[in-house]
Amino acid sequence: MTFPDTPDPNVRVKGKIAIGKMAVLSVVVIAALGAFLFLWQHYQELAAKKKSLLAVTTQKAFPGPQAPGAPLAPGVLAQVGDWTLTAEDFKQRLNNVKAAVPDFDTQNPESKRLVLDEIVRQELLAIDAKERGLANKKEIEDAVEEFRSALLVREVASKLIENISATEKEAEDYYNQNKEVFVEAAQWRIREIVVPAQQEAKDILIELLKGADFGETAKARSKAKSAPQGGDLGPLKELPPALAKAVATLDVGDLSSVFKSPEGYSIVKLEEKRGGKPLSFSEVKADIISGLTQLKQQQAILAHIDQLRQKTPVKVNENLLNF
């Protein structure tokens, strides 16, 4: 996915800019963090019950693993059977959780204990699975290999993009070339009257210009679904083309001329308009830099993949895709 050469006029933002669909979701940079996310989800489920996390871990925490007959070696945080977890490895696991879930507090003792307890539980189950011979099942071996490949992909991708980022100058140039995209989200409140015949619509417009109440006239004569509400369409964040064209030059309180709409012949009144002001570069700079950085990183990865294709044969049996 790339930045549009021609900005999409339908792209609008509210508050801080959300640059279209600029976010890059390339499969080659998606990290394999399922296990760590599981730990965090478990943490959140406990917190959602509004119990004290300390109380929960006191009640449910698995007892700290004990080394059989000897103290733990220096630097070893936990041991389960012959498997050991060093303090450095555990710190890295916490950092991985933090990278995936920024709200995770790696310094909170209860959080750390909960993660460690879950690691111990998983290792106990893993040892049990190996003893049952489950580790040799094809689907398990395939899943392990797939996870290993995902980790390798993440590692090589991170190496390719570690020094790639967009500059403020690039962001400013993009902003200046696409100012029409960077507009605060607008919201309209509009009333409408819709009738099947053009002449009838013209007659109604004359009555309105003479002072007839728009809402009451809509209730009495409009054929649109909005008639019972006095033609009120409610707050609108997006406008159909015909309606957008009709209100483009209207000030609040103005009536449109008669125009052809999908339902018939329409007259609208602009009751209220909010937002729609251009956003300054300072308001959107951080988001543009982020979006351009992701784009440049994606392009670097795709360019590297193209180079790999030149030296590594890739064959596909197209016939076998038809299943």
C-alpha atoms as a PDB file:
ATOM      1  CA  MET A   1       0.000   0.000   0.000  1.00  0.00           C
ATOM      2  CA  THR A   2       1.389   3.403  -0.904  1.00  0.00           C
ATOM      3  CA  PHE A   3       0.609   7.033  -0.460  1.00  0.00           C
ATOM      4  CA  PRO A   4      -1.844   8.121  -3.160  1.00  0.00           C
ATOM      5  CA  ASP A   5      -0.297  10.045  -6.055  1.00  0.00           C
ATOM      6  CA  THR A   6      -3.628  11.853  -6.301  1.00  0.00           C
ATOM      7  CA  PRO A   7      -5.127  12.401  -2.842  1.00  0.00           C
ATOM      8  CA  ASP A   8      -8.525  10.901  -2.303  1.00  0.00           C
ATOM      9  CA  PRO A   9     -10.966  13.793  -1.793  1.00  0.00           C
ATOM     10  CA  ASN A  10     -13.061  11.618   0.490  1.00  0.00           C
ATOM     11  CA  VAL A  11     -10.226  11.232   2.978  1.00  0.00           C
ATOM     12  CA  ARG A  12     -10.906  13.442   5.988  1.00  0.00           C
ATOM     13  CA  VAL A  13      -9.409  13.532   9.459  1.00  0.00           C
ATOM     14  CA  LYS A  14     -10.550  14.465  12.947  1.00  0.00           C
ATOM     15  CA  GLY A  15      -8.166  15.761  15.612  1.00  0.00           C
ATOM     16  CA  LYS A  16      -4.862  14.191  14.765  1.00  0.00           C
ATOM     17  CA  ILE A  17      -4.571  13.082  11.191  1.00  0.00           C
ATOM     18  CA  ALA A  18      -5.286   9.516  10.135  1.00  0.00           C
ATOM     19  CA  ILE A  19      -3.591   9.529   6.755  1.00  0.00           C
ATOM     20  CA  GLY A  20      -6.027   7.529   4.663  1.00  0.00           C
ATOM     21  CA  LYS A  21      -4.958   3.939   4.887  1.00  0.00           C
ATOM     22  CA  MET A  22      -1.284   4.780   5.122  1.00  0.00           C
ATOM     23  CA  ALA A  23      -0.545   2.219   7.809  1.00  0.00           C
ATOM     24  CA  VAL A  24       1.535  -0.597   6.349  1.00  0.00           C
ATOM     25  CA  LEU A  25       0.376  -4.105   7.206  1.00  0.00           C
ATOM     26  CA  SER A  26       2.984  -5.990   5.201  1.00  0.00           C
ATOM     27  CA  VAL A  27       3.136  -9.632   6.194  1.00  0.00           C
ATOM     28  CA  VAL A  28       6.898  -9.502   6.222  1.00  0.00           C
ATOM     29  CA  VAL A  29       6.956  -7.143   9.207  1.00  0.00           C
ATOM     30  CA  ILE A  30       4.241  -8.700  11.363  1.00  0.00           C
ATOM     31  CA  ALA A  31       5.925 -10.083  14.476  1.00  0.00           C
ATOM     32  CA  ALA A  32       5.160 -13.531  15.785  1.00  0.00           C
ATOM     33  CA  LEU A  33       4.113 -12.493  19.282  1.00  0.00           C
ATOM     34  CA  GLY A  34       1.181 -14.800  19.881  1.00  0.00           C
ATOM     35  CA  ALA A  35       2.570 -16.320  23.057  1.00  0.00           C
ATOM     36  CA  PHE A  36       3.331 -12.939  24.578  1.00  0.00           C
ATOM     37  CA  LEU A  37      -0.063 -11.538  23.638  1.00  0.00           C
ATOM     38  CA  PHE A  38      -1.633 -14.551  25.317  1.00  0.00           C
ATOM     39  CA  LEU A  39       0.162 -13.647  28.519  1.00  0.00           C
ATOM     40  CA  TRP A  40      -1.048 -10.065  28.366  1.00  0.00           C
ATOM     41  CA  GLN A  41      -4.613 -11.109  27.553  1.00  0.00           C
ATOM     42  CA  HIS A  42      -4.520 -13.385  30.578  1.00  0.00           C
ATOM     43  CA  TYR A  43      -3.333 -10.449  32.673  1.00  0.00           C
ATOM     44  CA  GLN A  44      -6.156  -8.252  31.397  1.00  0.00           C
ATOM     45  CA  GLU A  45      -8.787 -10.908  32.073  1.00  0.00           C
ATOM     46  CA  LEU A  46      -7.701 -11.048  35.687  1.00  0.00           C
ATOM     47  CA  ALA A  47      -7.683  -7.260  36.017  1.00  0.00           C
ATOM     48  CA  ALA A  48     -11.131  -7.041  34.411  1.00  0.00           C
ATOM     49  CA  LYS A  49     -12.579  -8.984  37.325  1.00  0.00           C
ATOM     50  CA  LYS A  50     -11.647  -6.005  39.550  1.00  0.00           C
ATOM     51  CA  LYS A  51      -9.675  -8.194  41.922  1.00  0.00           C
ATOM     52  CA  SER A  52      -6.385  -7.236  43.423  1.00  0.00           C
ATOM     53  CA  LEU A  53      -3.697  -8.570  41.119  1.00  0.00           C
ATOM     54  CA  LEU A  54      -1.563  -9.325  44.124  1.00  0.00           C
ATOM     55  CA  ALA A  55      -4.400 -11.297  45.692  1.00  0.00           C
ATOM     56  CA  VAL A  56      -4.982 -13.188  42.459  1.00  0.00           C
ATOM     57  CA  THR A  57      -1.361 -14.138  42.042  1.00  0.00           C
ATOM     58  CA  THR A  58      -1.174 -15.128  45.711  1.00  0.00           C
ATOM     59  CA  GLN A  59      -4.157 -17.436  45.264  1.00  0.00           C
ATOM     60  CA  LYS A  60      -3.392 -18.788  41.805  1.00  0.00           C
ATOM     61  CA  ALA A  61       0.335 -18.383  41.252  1.00  0.00           C
ATOM     62  CA  PHE A  62       2.239 -21.559  40.690  1.00  0.00           C
ATOM     63  CA  PRO A  63       4.874 -22.035  43.385  1.00  0.00           C
ATOM     64  CA  GLY A  64       8.330 -20.867  42.344  1.00  0.00           C
ATOM     65  CA  PRO A  65      10.228 -23.652  40.596  1.00  0.00           C
ATOM     66  CA  GLN A  66      12.830 -25.316  42.767  1.00  0.00           C
ATOM     67  CA  ALA A  67      16.051 -26.857  41.494  1.00  0.00           C
ATOM     68  CA  PRO A  68      16.223 -30.540  42.430  1.00  0.00           C
ATOM     69  CA  GLY A  69      18.731 -30.890  45.262  1.00  0.00           C
ATOM     70  CA  ALA A  70      20.808 -27.820  44.476  1.00  0.00           C
ATOM     71  CA  PRO A  71      20.468 -24.043  44.381  1.00  0.00           C
ATOM     72  CA  LEU A  72      19.849 -22.360  41.061  1.00  0.00           C
ATOM     73  CA  ALA A  73      22.930 -21.440  39.068  1.00  0.00           C
ATOM     74  CA  PRO A  74      23.970 -17.759  39.020  1.00  0.00           C
ATOM     75  CA  GLY A  75      21.812 -15.792  36.602  1.00  0.00           C
ATOM     76  CA  VAL A  76      19.128 -18.486  36.380  1.00  0.00           C
ATOM     77  CA  LEU A  77      15.699 -17.162  37.322  1.00  0.00           C
ATOM     78  CA  ALA A  78      13.705 -20.387  37.131  1.00  0.00           C
ATOM     79  CA  GLN A  79      14.146 -24.076  36.361  1.00  0.00           C
ATOM     80  CA  VAL A  80      11.500 -26.570  35.324  1.00  0.00           C
ATOM     81  CA  GLY A  81      12.942 -30.044  35.051  1.00  0.00           C
ATOM     82  CA  ASP A  82      16.051 -29.679  32.877  1.00  0.00           C
ATOM     83  CA  TRP A  83      14.784 -26.450  31.319  1.00  0.00           C
ATOM     84  CA  THR A  84      16.104 -23.170  32.674  1.00  0.00           C
ATOM     85  CA  LEU A  85      15.149 -19.528  32.218  1.00  0.00           C
ATOM     86  CA  THR A  86      17.819 -16.896  32.820  1.00  0.00           C
ATOM     87  CA  ALA A  87      17.075 -13.433  34.166  1.00  0.00           C
ATOM     88  CA  GLU A  88      18.264 -11.929  30.870  1.00  0.00           C
ATOM     89  CA  ASP A  89      15.966 -14.177  28.831  1.00  0.00           C
ATOM     90  CA  PHE A  90      13.054 -13.258  31.075  1.00  0.00           C
ATOM     91  CA  LYS A  91      13.824  -9.559  30.694  1.00  0.00           C
ATOM     92  CA  GLN A  92      13.750  -9.981  26.923  1.00  0.00           C
ATOM     93  CA  ARG A  93      10.381 -11.724  27.120  1.00  0.00           C
ATOM     94  CA  LEU A  94       9.009  -8.827  29.145  1.00  0.00           C
ATOM     95  CA  ASN A  95      10.365  -6.388  26.578  1.00  0.00           C
ATOM     96  CA  ASN A  96       8.662  -8.366  23.827  1.00  0.00           C
ATOM     97  CA  VAL A  97       5.359  -8.088  25.672  1.00  0.00           C
ATOM     98  CA  LYS A  98       5.962  -4.351  26.091  1.00  0.00           C
ATOM     99  CA  ALA A  99       6.671  -3.983  22.372  1.00  0.00           C
ATOM    100  CA  ALA A 100       3.401  -5.700  21.507  1.00  0.00           C
ATOM    101  CA  VAL A 101       1.329  -4.066  24.260  1.00  0.00           C
ATOM    102  CA  PRO A 102       2.711  -0.616  25.204  1.00  0.00           C
ATOM    103  CA  ASP A 103       0.539  -0.400  28.342  1.00  0.00           C
ATOM    104  CA  PHE A 104       2.264  -3.418  29.883  1.00  0.00           C
ATOM    105  CA  ASP A 105       4.372  -2.368  32.882  1.00  0.00           C
ATOM    106  CA  THR A 106       7.626  -4.345  32.833  1.00  0.00           C
ATOM    107  CA  GLN A 107       8.625  -2.955  36.260  1.00  0.00           C
ATOM    108  CA  ASN A 108       5.485  -3.999  38.115  1.00  0.00           C
ATOM    109  CA  PRO A 109       6.372  -6.931  40.446  1.00  0.00           C
ATOM    110  CA  GLU A 110       2.909  -8.487  40.198  1.00  0.00           C
ATOM    111  CA  SER A 111       2.965  -8.252  36.410  1.00  0.00           C
ATOM    112  CA  LYS A 112       6.390  -9.874  36.244  1.00  0.00           C
ATOM    113  CA  ARG A 113       5.328 -12.635  38.629  1.00  0.00           C
ATOM    114  CA  LEU A 114       2.220 -13.349  36.590  1.00  0.00           C
ATOM    115  CA  VAL A 115       4.231 -13.632  33.378  1.00  0.00           C
ATOM    116  CA  LEU A 116       6.763 -15.921  35.054  1.00  0.00           C
ATOM    117  CA  ASP A 117       4.005 -18.129  36.460  1.00  0.00           C
ATOM    118  CA  GLU A 118       2.460 -18.464  33.022  1.00  0.00           C
ATOM    119  CA  ILE A 119       5.832 -19.355  31.476  1.00  0.00           C
ATOM    120  CA  VAL A 120       6.299 -22.057  34.128  1.00  0.00           C
ATOM    121  CA  ARG A 121       2.824 -23.444  33.484  1.00  0.00           C
ATOM    122  CA  GLN A 122       3.446 -23.566  29.750  1.00  0.00           C
ATOM    123  CA  GLU A 123       6.791 -25.296  30.202  1.00  0.00           C
ATOM    124  CA  LEU A 124       5.221 -27.920  32.487  1.00  0.00           C
ATOM    125  CA  LEU A 125       2.600 -28.607  29.827  1.00  0.00           C
ATOM    126  CA  ALA A 126       5.287 -28.681  27.138  1.00  0.00           C
ATOM    127  CA  ILE A 127       7.308 -31.260  29.064  1.00  0.00           C
ATOM    128  CA  ASP A 128       4.174 -33.344  29.570  1.00  0.00           C
ATOM    129  CA  ALA A 129       3.405 -33.147  25.843  1.00  0.00           C
ATOM    130  CA  LYS A 130       6.923 -34.325  24.950  1.00  0.00           C
ATOM    131  CA  GLU A 131       6.644 -37.255  27.353  1.00  0.00           C
ATOM    132  CA  ARG A 132       3.353 -38.215  25.708  1.00  0.00           C
ATOM    133  CA  GLY A 133       5.046 -38.188  22.286  1.00  0.00           C
ATOM    134  CA  LEU A 134       2.942 -35.273  21.043  1.00  0.00           C
ATOM    135  CA  ALA A 135       6.002 -33.284  19.970  1.00  0.00           C
ATOM    136  CA  ASN A 136       6.505 -35.666  17.057  1.00  0.00           C
ATOM    137  CA  LYS A 137       3.071 -35.069  15.542  1.00  0.00           C
ATOM    138  CA  LYS A 138       3.328 -33.595  12.061  1.00  0.00           C
ATOM    139  CA  GLU A 139       1.055 -30.635  12.786  1.00  0.00           C
ATOM    140  CA  ILE A 140       3.170 -29.742  15.821  1.00  0.00           C
ATOM    141  CA  GLU A 141       6.401 -29.949  13.859  1.00  0.00           C
ATOM    142  CA  ASP A 142       4.856 -27.852  11.077  1.00  0.00           C
ATOM    143  CA  ALA A 143       3.667 -25.235  13.548  1.00  0.00           C
ATOM    144  CA  VAL A 144       7.102 -25.049  15.196  1.00  0.00           C
ATOM    145  CA  GLU A 145       8.758 -24.606  11.815  1.00  0.00           C
ATOM    146  CA  GLU A 146       6.247 -21.948  10.815  1.00  0.00           C
ATOM    147  CA  PHE A 147       6.842 -20.062  14.057  1.00  0.00           C
ATOM    148  CA  ARG A 148      10.607 -20.328  13.566  1.00  0.00           C
ATOM    149  CA  SER A 149      10.265 -18.935  10.042  1.00  0.00           C
ATOM    150  CA  ALA A 150       8.121 -16.063  11.314  1.00  0.00           C
ATOM    151  CA  LEU A 151      10.762 -15.147  13.884  1.00  0.00           C
ATOM    152  CA  LEU A 152      13.474 -15.216  11.219  1.00  0.00           C
ATOM    153  CA  VAL A 153      11.376 -13.035   8.937  1.00  0.00           C
ATOM    154  CA  ARG A 154      10.832 -10.551  11.749  1.00  0.00           C
ATOM    155  CA  GLU A 155      14.551 -10.483  12.481  1.00  0.00           C
ATOM    156  CA  VAL A 156      15.687  -9.916   8.898  1.00  0.00           C
ATOM    157  CA  ALA A 157      12.967  -7.316   8.342  1.00  0.00           C
ATOM    158  CA  SER A 158      14.049  -5.402  11.439  1.00  0.00           C
ATOM    159  CA  LYS A 159      17.634  -5.392  10.146  1.00  0.00           C
ATOM    160  CA  LEU A 160      16.538  -4.075   6.753  1.00  0.00           C
ATOM    161  CA  ILE A 161      14.570  -1.144   8.178  1.00  0.00           C
ATOM    162  CA  GLU A 162      16.498  -0.233  11.324  1.00  0.00           C
ATOM    163  CA  ASN A 163      18.053   2.890   9.751  1.00  0.00           C
ATOM    164  CA  ILE A 164      15.153   3.896   7.520  1.00  0.00           C
ATOM    165  CA  SER A 165      12.918   6.797   8.542  1.00  0.00           C
ATOM    166  CA  ALA A 166      11.241   9.780   6.939  1.00  0.00           C
ATOM    167  CA  THR A 167      12.604  13.257   7.537  1.00  0.00           C
ATOM    168  CA  GLU A 168      10.669  16.343   8.587  1.00  0.00           C
ATOM    169  CA  LYS A 169      11.495  17.859   5.179  1.00  0.00           C
ATOM    170  CA  GLU A 170       9.909  14.884   3.389  1.00  0.00           C
ATOM    171  CA  ALA A 171       6.849  15.179   5.616  1.00  0.00           C
ATOM    172  CA  GLU A 172       6.541  18.914   4.930  1.00  0.00           C
ATOM    173  CA  ASP A 173       6.852  18.356   1.174  1.00  0.00           C
ATOM    174  CA  TYR A 174       4.117  15.737   1.297  1.00  0.00           C
ATOM    175  CA  TYR A 175       1.911  18.050   3.330  1.00  0.00           C
ATOM    176  CA  ASN A 176       2.361  20.926   0.870  1.00  0.00           C
ATOM    177  CA  GLN A 177       1.541  18.670  -2.087  1.00  0.00           C
ATOM    178  CA  ASN A 178      -1.587  17.243  -0.452  1.00  0.00           C
ATOM    179  CA  LYS A 179      -3.037  20.021   1.693  1.00  0.00           C
ATOM    180  CA  GLU A 180      -6.563  19.228   0.578  1.00  0.00           C
ATOM    181  CA  VAL A 181      -6.310  15.876   2.365  1.00  0.00           C
ATOM    182  CA  PHE A 182      -5.437  17.406   5.709  1.00  0.00           C
ATOM    183  CA  VAL A 183      -8.765  18.874   6.721  1.00  0.00           C
ATOM    184  CA  GLU A 184     -10.536  18.584  10.037  1.00  0.00           C
ATOM    185  CA  ALA A 185     -13.533  16.283   9.841  1.00  0.00           C
ATOM    186  CA  ALA A 186     -16.680  18.225   8.955  1.00  0.00           C
ATOM    187  CA  GLN A 187     -20.217  17.612  10.169  1.00  0.00           C
ATOM    188  CA  TRP A 188     -23.416  19.007   8.675  1.00  0.00           C
ATOM    189  CA  ARG A 189     -27.024  19.284   9.811  1.00  0.00           C
ATOM    190  CA  ILE A 190     -29.339  19.613   6.820  1.00  0.00           C
ATOM    191  CA  ARG A 191     -33.076  19.638   6.189  1.00  0.00           C
ATOM    192  CA  GLU A 192     -34.525  18.450   2.889  1.00  0.00           C
ATOM    193  CA  ILE A 193     -37.756  18.571   0.934  1.00  0.00           C
ATOM    194  CA  VAL A 194     -38.123  16.051  -1.880  1.00  0.00           C
ATOM    195  CA  VAL A 195     -41.002  15.917  -4.370  1.00  0.00           C
ATOM    196  CA  PRO A 196     -41.447  13.977  -7.634  1.00  0.00           C
ATOM    197  CA  ALA A 197     -42.015  16.952  -9.970  1.00  0.00           C
ATOM    198  CA  GLN A 198     -39.642  19.794 -10.767  1.00  0.00           C
ATOM    199  CA  GLN A 199     -42.390  22.420 -11.010  1.00  0.00           C
ATOM    200  CA  GLU A 200     -43.760  21.444  -7.615  1.00  0.00           C
ATOM    201  CA  ALA A 201     -40.276  21.841  -6.132  1.00  0.00           C
ATOM    202  CA  LYS A 202     -39.993  25.315  -7.704  1.00  0.00           C
ATOM    203  CA  ASP A 203     -43.360  26.323  -6.251  1.00  0.00           C
ATOM    204  CA  ILE A 204     -42.287  25.134  -2.794  1.00  0.00           C
ATOM    205  CA  LEU A 205     -39.022  27.069  -3.067  1.00  0.00           C
ATOM    206  CA  ILE A 206     -40.968  30.267  -3.790  1.00  0.00           C
ATOM    207  CA  GLU A 207     -43.096  29.676  -0.684  1.00  0.00           C
ATOM    208  CA  LEU A 208     -39.985  29.135   1.416  1.00  0.00           C
ATOM    209  CA  LEU A 209     -38.379  32.297   0.098  1.00  0.00           C
ATOM    210  CA  LYS A 210     -41.538  34.156   1.091  1.00  0.00           C
ATOM    211  CA  GLY A 211     -41.112  32.960   4.670  1.00  0.00           C
ATOM    212  CA  ALA A 212     -42.800  29.558   4.944  1.00  0.00           C
ATOM    213  CA  ASP A 213     -41.340  27.366   7.725  1.00  0.00           C
ATOM    214  CA  PHE A 214     -39.050  24.748   6.200  1.00  0.00           C
ATOM    215  CA  GLY A 215     -39.754  22.058   8.788  1.00  0.00           C
ATOM    216  CA  GLU A 216     -43.518  22.390   8.621  1.00  0.00           C
ATOM    217  CA  THR A 217     -43.451  22.500   4.822  1.00  0.00           C
ATOM    218  CA  ALA A 218     -41.335  19.329   4.767  1.00  0.00           C
ATOM    219  CA  LYS A 219     -43.812  17.532   7.031  1.00  0.00           C
ATOM    220  CA  ALA A 220     -46.721  18.561   4.819  1.00  0.00           C
ATOM    221  CA  ARG A 221     -45.320  18.158   1.319  1.00  0.00           C
ATOM    222  CA  SER A 222     -42.017  16.229   1.232  1.00  0.00           C
ATOM    223  CA  LYS A 223     -42.101  12.636  -0.031  1.00  0.00           C
ATOM    224  CA  ALA A 224     -38.779  11.723   1.576  1.00  0.00           C
ATOM    225  CA  LYS A 225     -38.425   9.418   4.581  1.00  0.00           C
ATOM    226  CA  SER A 226     -37.244  12.436   6.563  1.00  0.00           C
ATOM    227  CA  ALA A 227     -40.608  14.217   6.184  1.00  0.00           C
ATOM    228  CA  PRO A 228     -41.963  13.248   9.660  1.00  0.00           C
ATOM    229  CA  GLN A 229     -38.851  14.836  11.185  1.00  0.00           C
ATOM    230  CA  GLY A 230     -39.412  18.059   9.263  1.00  0.00           C
ATOM    231  CA  GLY A 231     -36.857  17.008   6.675  1.00  0.00           C
ATOM    232  CA  ASP A 232     -34.064  16.814   9.284  1.00  0.00           C
ATOM    233  CA  LEU A 233     -31.368  14.400   8.097  1.00  0.00           C
ATOM    234  CA  GLY A 234     -29.595  14.460  11.433  1.00  0.00           C
ATOM    235  CA  PRO A 235     -25.829  14.966  11.847  1.00  0.00           C
ATOM    236  CA  LEU A 236     -23.999  13.959   8.664  1.00  0.00           C
ATOM    237  CA  LYS A 237     -20.272  13.242   8.398  1.00  0.00           C
ATOM    238  CA  GLU A 238     -20.373  12.321   4.715  1.00  0.00           C
ATOM    239  CA  LEU A 239     -22.578  13.728   1.975  1.00  0.00           C
ATOM    240  CA  PRO A 240     -23.795  12.035  -1.223  1.00  0.00           C
ATOM    241  CA  PRO A 241     -22.445  13.796  -4.365  1.00  0.00           C
ATOM    242  CA  ALA A 242     -25.688  15.597  -5.263  1.00  0.00           C
ATOM    243  CA  LEU A 243     -26.175  16.834  -1.709  1.00  0.00           C
ATOM    244  CA  ALA A 244     -22.529  17.851  -1.321  1.00  0.00           C
ATOM    245  CA  LYS A 245     -22.742  19.924  -4.507  1.00  0.00           C
ATOM    246  CA  ALA A 246     -25.998  21.563  -3.352  1.00  0.00           C
ATOM    247  CA  VAL A 247     -24.600  22.733   0.006  1.00  0.00           C
ATOM    248  CA  ALA A 248     -21.040  23.529  -1.139  1.00  0.00           C
ATOM    249  CA  THR A 249     -21.692  27.270  -1.468  1.00  0.00           C
ATOM    250  CA  LEU A 250     -24.345  27.645   1.242  1.00  0.00           C
ATOM    251  CA  ASP A 251     -23.905  29.533   4.481  1.00  0.00           C
ATOM    252  CA  VAL A 252     -25.733  28.382   7.597  1.00  0.00           C
ATOM    253  CA  GLY A 253     -29.428  29.263   7.206  1.00  0.00           C
ATOM    254  CA  ASP A 254     -29.332  29.375   3.394  1.00  0.00           C
ATOM    255  CA  LEU A 255     -31.655  27.511   1.028  1.00  0.00           C
ATOM    256  CA  SER A 256     -30.413  25.675  -2.028  1.00  0.00           C
ATOM    257  CA  SER A 257     -31.967  25.987  -5.451  1.00  0.00           C
ATOM    258  CA  VAL A 258     -34.008  23.074  -6.808  1.00  0.00           C
ATOM    259  CA  PHE A 259     -31.740  20.206  -7.876  1.00  0.00           C
ATOM    260  CA  LYS A 260     -32.195  16.679  -9.191  1.00  0.00           C
ATOM    261  CA  SER A 261     -31.546  14.016  -6.578  1.00  0.00           C
ATOM    262  CA  PRO A 262     -31.871  10.211  -6.681  1.00  0.00           C
ATOM    263  CA  GLU A 263     -35.298  10.487  -4.969  1.00  0.00           C
ATOM    264  CA  GLY A 264     -36.741  13.267  -7.157  1.00  0.00           C
ATOM    265  CA  TYR A 265     -36.364  17.038  -7.031  1.00  0.00           C
ATOM    266  CA  SER A 266     -34.919  18.438  -3.840  1.00  0.00           C
ATOM    267  CA  ILE A 267     -34.485  21.618  -1.856  1.00  0.00           C
ATOM    268  CA  VAL A 268     -32.210  21.675   1.177  1.00  0.00           C
ATOM    269  CA  LYS A 269     -31.510  24.081   4.004  1.00  0.00           C
ATOM    270  CA  LEU A 270     -28.137  24.157   5.740  1.00  0.00           C
ATOM    271  CA  GLU A 271     -28.946  24.315   9.442  1.00  0.00           C
ATOM    272  CA  GLU A 272     -25.445  23.882  10.867  1.00  0.00           C
ATOM    273  CA  LYS A 273     -21.874  23.106   9.828  1.00  0.00           C
ATOM    274  CA  ARG A 274     -18.966  22.241  12.098  1.00  0.00           C
ATOM    275  CA  GLY A 275     -15.323  21.543  11.384  1.00  0.00           C
ATOM    276  CA  GLY A 276     -13.882  21.439   7.903  1.00  0.00           C
ATOM    277  CA  LYS A 277     -10.971  23.771   8.637  1.00  0.00           C
ATOM    278  CA  PRO A 278      -7.519  22.988   7.204  1.00  0.00           C
ATOM    279  CA  LEU A 279      -5.058  21.442   9.641  1.00  0.00           C
ATOM    280  CA  SER A 280      -1.624  23.008  10.046  1.00  0.00           C
ATOM    281  CA  PHE A 281       1.574  21.089   9.350  1.00  0.00           C
ATOM    282  CA  SER A 282       2.451  21.088  13.058  1.00  0.00           C
ATOM    283  CA  GLU A 283      -0.848  19.325  13.818  1.00  0.00           C
ATOM    284  CA  VAL A 284      -0.190  16.482  11.390  1.00  0.00           C
ATOM    285  CA  LYS A 285       3.615  16.330  11.216  1.00  0.00           C
ATOM    286  CA  ALA A 286       4.060  13.347  13.529  1.00  0.00           C
ATOM    287  CA  ASP A 287       1.454  11.276  11.695  1.00  0.00           C
ATOM    288  CA  ILE A 288       2.886  12.097   8.266  1.00  0.00           C
ATOM    289  CA  ILE A 289       6.408  11.183   9.380  1.00  0.00           C
ATOM    290  CA  SER A 290       5.106   7.916  10.814  1.00  0.00           C
ATOM    291  CA  GLY A 291       3.184   7.075   7.656  1.00  0.00           C
ATOM    292  CA  LEU A 292       6.041   7.969   5.311  1.00  0.00           C
ATOM    293  CA  THR A 293       8.478   5.989   7.461  1.00  0.00           C
ATOM    294  CA  GLN A 294       6.296   2.888   7.240  1.00  0.00           C
ATOM    295  CA  LEU A 295       6.005   3.380   3.496  1.00  0.00           C
ATOM    296  CA  LYS A 296       9.769   3.708   3.017  1.00  0.00           C
ATOM    297  CA  GLN A 297      10.371   0.651   5.180  1.00  0.00           C
ATOM    298  CA  GLN A 298       7.860  -1.383   3.199  1.00  0.00           C
ATOM    299  CA  GLN A 299       9.467  -0.308  -0.064  1.00  0.00           C
ATOM    300  CA  ALA A 300      12.896  -1.315   1.229  1.00  0.00           C
ATOM    301  CA  ILE A 301      11.641  -4.770   2.196  1.00  0.00           C
ATOM    302  CA  LEU A 302       9.864  -5.287  -1.138  1.00  0.00           C
ATOM    303  CA  ALA A 303      12.960  -4.149  -3.038  1.00  0.00           C
ATOM    304  CA  HIS A 304      15.049  -6.660  -1.091  1.00  0.00           C
ATOM    305  CA  ILE A 305      12.544  -9.414  -1.864  1.00  0.00           C
ATOM    306  CA  ASP A 306      12.793  -8.553  -5.572  1.00  0.00           C
ATOM    307  CA  GLN A 307      16.577  -8.928  -5.346  1.00  0.00           C
ATOM    308  CA  LEU A 308      16.167 -12.304  -3.660  1.00  0.00           C
ATOM    309  CA  ARG A 309      13.873 -13.432  -6.480  1.00  0.00           C
ATOM    310  CA  GLN A 310      16.631 -12.702  -8.965  1.00  0.00           C
ATOM    311  CA  LYS A 311      18.986 -15.223  -7.365  1.00  0.00           C
ATOM    312  CA  THR A 312      16.558 -17.713  -5.795  1.00  0.00           C
ATOM    313  CA  PRO A 313      14.330 -19.717  -8.177  1.00  0.00           C
ATOM    314  CA  VAL A 314      10.641 -19.595  -7.332  1.00  0.00           C
ATOM    315  CA  LYS A 315       8.321 -22.059  -9.061  1.00  0.00           C
ATOM    316  CA  VAL A 316       4.545 -22.317  -8.703  1.00  0.00           C
ATOM    317  CA  ASN A 317       2.300 -25.008 -10.120  1.00  0.00           C
ATOM    318  CA  GLU A 318      -0.668 -22.793 -11.069  1.00  0.00           C
ATOM    319  CA  ASN A 319      -2.860 -25.817 -11.810  1.00  0.00           C
ATOM    320  CA  LEU A 320      -2.772 -26.865  -8.178  1.00  0.00           C
ATOM    321  CA  LEU A 321      -4.178 -23.499  -7.131  1.00  0.00           C
ATOM    322  CA  ASN A 322      -7.529 -24.524  -8.577  1.00  0.00           C
ATOM    323  CA  PHE A 323      -8.875 -26.481  -5.623  1.00  0.00           C
END
